[in-house]
């Protein structure tokens, strides 16, 4: 009976771990610290050090976007991650959470976060294959 319980326990632990790791929105917003680092890692698909200059840039953009929208950094990061996945699913164009964060930091002041993210998604979706720069130029 004991080996059966150990095997069942091991099987359940294997099932639970991939479920958490498979959800990038949850992974990026699990705790307040390291959100910028996790955004960079999702965008580059590689581990990066907390001291990487891209992390510092992402942190600055997170702060700017959070201030402009009145949302928390975690909410901004989650929205950017969801939008990047949606853009890829809808257009098969590569989009990263950092692309969406850049758009939100640059064009998000004075309107709700969902409107700014939606405008970026629409710019990317309206012409599949558009680059981030082209989408930024097309945003209203």
Protein backbone atom coordinates (compact mmCIF):
# COMPACT_ATOMS: atom_id res chain seq x y z
CA UNK A 1 0.00 0.00 0.00
CA UNK A 2 2.84 2.38 0.86
CA UNK A 3 4.54 2.07 -2.58
CA UNK A 4 1.19 2.84 -4.21
CA UNK A 5 0.80 6.02 -2.14
CA UNK A 6 4.35 7.10 -2.97
CA UNK A 7 3.77 6.49 -6.67
CA UNK A 8 0.47 8.39 -6.58
CA UNK A 9 2.09 11.28 -4.72
CA UNK A 10 4.93 11.44 -7.25
CA UNK A 11 2.49 11.36 -10.17
CA UNK A 12 0.41 14.18 -8.72
CA UNK A 13 3.48 16.33 -8.14
CA UNK A 14 4.52 15.84 -11.77
CA UNK A 15 1.07 16.88 -12.97
CA UNK A 16 0.94 20.01 -10.82
CA UNK A 17 4.37 21.43 -11.72
CA UNK A 18 3.94 21.62 -15.51
CA UNK A 19 0.53 23.25 -15.09
CA UNK A 20 2.12 26.18 -13.29
CA UNK A 21 5.07 26.44 -15.65
CA UNK A 22 2.85 26.19 -18.73
CA UNK A 23 0.98 29.39 -17.85
CA UNK A 24 3.26 32.32 -18.73
CA UNK A 25 0.87 34.92 -17.33
CA UNK A 26 0.98 33.26 -13.93
CA UNK A 27 4.73 32.78 -14.18
CA UNK A 28 5.32 36.47 -14.89
CA UNK A 29 3.09 37.73 -12.10
CA UNK A 30 3.71 35.24 -9.28
CA UNK A 31 5.45 37.76 -7.05
CA UNK A 32 6.24 41.44 -7.04
CA UNK A 33 9.97 41.04 -7.46
CA UNK A 34 11.47 39.90 -10.72
CA UNK A 35 8.51 40.76 -12.95
CA UNK A 36 10.72 42.65 -15.41
CA UNK A 37 13.23 39.81 -15.46
CA UNK A 38 10.50 37.26 -16.21
CA UNK A 39 9.14 39.47 -19.01
CA UNK A 40 12.58 39.58 -20.59
CA UNK A 41 12.95 35.82 -20.21
CA UNK A 42 9.57 35.20 -21.86
CA UNK A 43 10.49 37.55 -24.68
CA UNK A 44 13.95 36.12 -25.31
CA UNK A 45 13.04 32.52 -24.45
CA UNK A 46 16.24 32.35 -22.43
CA UNK A 47 17.28 32.85 -18.84
CA UNK A 48 18.71 36.27 -18.06
CA UNK A 49 20.42 37.65 -14.99
CA UNK A 50 18.70 40.24 -12.86
CA UNK A 51 21.62 42.56 -13.71
CA UNK A 52 21.06 42.28 -17.48
CA UNK A 53 20.54 45.76 -19.03
CA UNK A 54 17.36 44.52 -20.73
CA UNK A 55 15.88 43.85 -17.30
CA UNK A 56 16.64 47.41 -16.18
CA UNK A 57 15.04 48.75 -19.37
CA UNK A 58 11.97 46.55 -18.90
CA UNK A 59 11.69 47.68 -15.27
CA UNK A 60 11.78 51.33 -16.34
CA UNK A 61 9.10 50.68 -18.96
CA UNK A 62 6.97 48.77 -16.44
CA UNK A 63 7.12 51.70 -14.02
CA UNK A 64 6.25 54.17 -16.80
CA UNK A 65 3.35 52.05 -18.06
CA UNK A 66 2.02 51.45 -14.55
CA UNK A 67 2.12 55.17 -13.81
CA UNK A 68 0.50 56.08 -17.13
CA UNK A 69 -2.32 53.58 -16.74
CA UNK A 70 -2.81 53.58 -12.98
CA UNK A 71 -2.39 49.79 -12.94
CA UNK A 72 0.08 47.70 -10.96
CA UNK A 73 3.27 46.43 -12.58
CA UNK A 74 1.93 42.88 -12.28
CA UNK A 75 -1.28 43.82 -14.10
CA UNK A 76 0.71 45.52 -16.85
CA UNK A 77 2.99 42.50 -17.21
CA UNK A 78 0.04 40.11 -17.36
CA UNK A 79 -1.72 42.21 -20.01
CA UNK A 80 1.44 42.41 -22.10
CA UNK A 81 1.96 38.65 -21.90
CA UNK A 82 -1.65 37.87 -22.85
CA UNK A 83 -1.61 40.35 -25.73
CA UNK A 84 1.64 38.96 -27.15
CA UNK A 85 0.20 35.45 -27.12
CA UNK A 86 -3.01 36.67 -28.75
CA UNK A 87 -1.10 38.47 -31.51
CA UNK A 88 0.87 35.34 -32.29
CA UNK A 89 -2.22 33.13 -32.19
CA UNK A 90 -4.20 35.48 -34.43
CA UNK A 91 -1.53 36.44 -36.96
CA UNK A 92 1.37 34.01 -36.50
CA UNK A 93 3.53 37.15 -36.36
CA UNK A 94 6.19 37.08 -33.69
CA UNK A 95 5.25 39.41 -30.87
CA UNK A 96 6.80 39.52 -27.44
CA UNK A 97 5.58 40.85 -24.12
CA UNK A 98 8.35 43.47 -24.39
CA UNK A 99 6.87 44.70 -27.69
CA UNK A 100 3.50 45.21 -26.03
CA UNK A 101 5.14 46.79 -22.99
CA UNK A 102 7.00 49.20 -25.26
CA UNK A 103 3.74 50.21 -26.93
CA UNK A 104 2.01 50.63 -23.59
CA UNK A 105 4.83 52.71 -22.13
CA UNK A 106 5.05 54.92 -25.22
CA UNK A 107 1.37 55.32 -26.09
CA UNK A 108 -0.50 54.44 -22.90
CA UNK A 109 -0.71 57.80 -21.15
CA UNK A 110 -4.14 59.27 -20.71
CA UNK A 111 -6.25 56.24 -21.51
CA UNK A 112 -7.14 52.91 -19.93
CA UNK A 113 -4.60 50.12 -20.28
CA UNK A 114 -7.04 47.91 -22.18
CA UNK A 115 -7.56 50.62 -24.81
CA UNK A 116 -3.81 51.05 -25.35
CA UNK A 117 -3.13 47.32 -25.50
CA UNK A 118 -6.13 46.90 -27.81
CA UNK A 119 -4.84 49.58 -30.16
CA UNK A 120 -1.48 47.82 -30.39
CA UNK A 121 -3.10 44.43 -30.97
CA UNK A 122 -5.30 45.94 -33.69
CA UNK A 123 -2.29 47.53 -35.37
CA UNK A 124 -0.49 44.17 -35.42
CA UNK A 125 -3.59 42.22 -36.44
CA UNK A 126 -4.69 44.54 -39.25
CA UNK A 127 -1.65 43.64 -41.28
CA UNK A 128 -0.26 40.26 -40.41
CA UNK A 129 3.50 40.33 -40.59
CA UNK A 130 3.81 43.95 -39.49
CA UNK A 131 6.87 44.65 -37.46
CA UNK A 132 6.75 46.18 -34.03
CA UNK A 133 8.01 49.51 -35.42
CA UNK A 134 5.31 49.56 -38.11
CA UNK A 135 2.63 48.79 -35.55
CA UNK A 136 3.90 51.57 -33.29
CA UNK A 137 3.74 54.04 -36.18
CA UNK A 138 0.20 52.90 -37.04
CA UNK A 139 -1.15 53.22 -33.49
CA UNK A 140 -3.56 56.02 -32.83
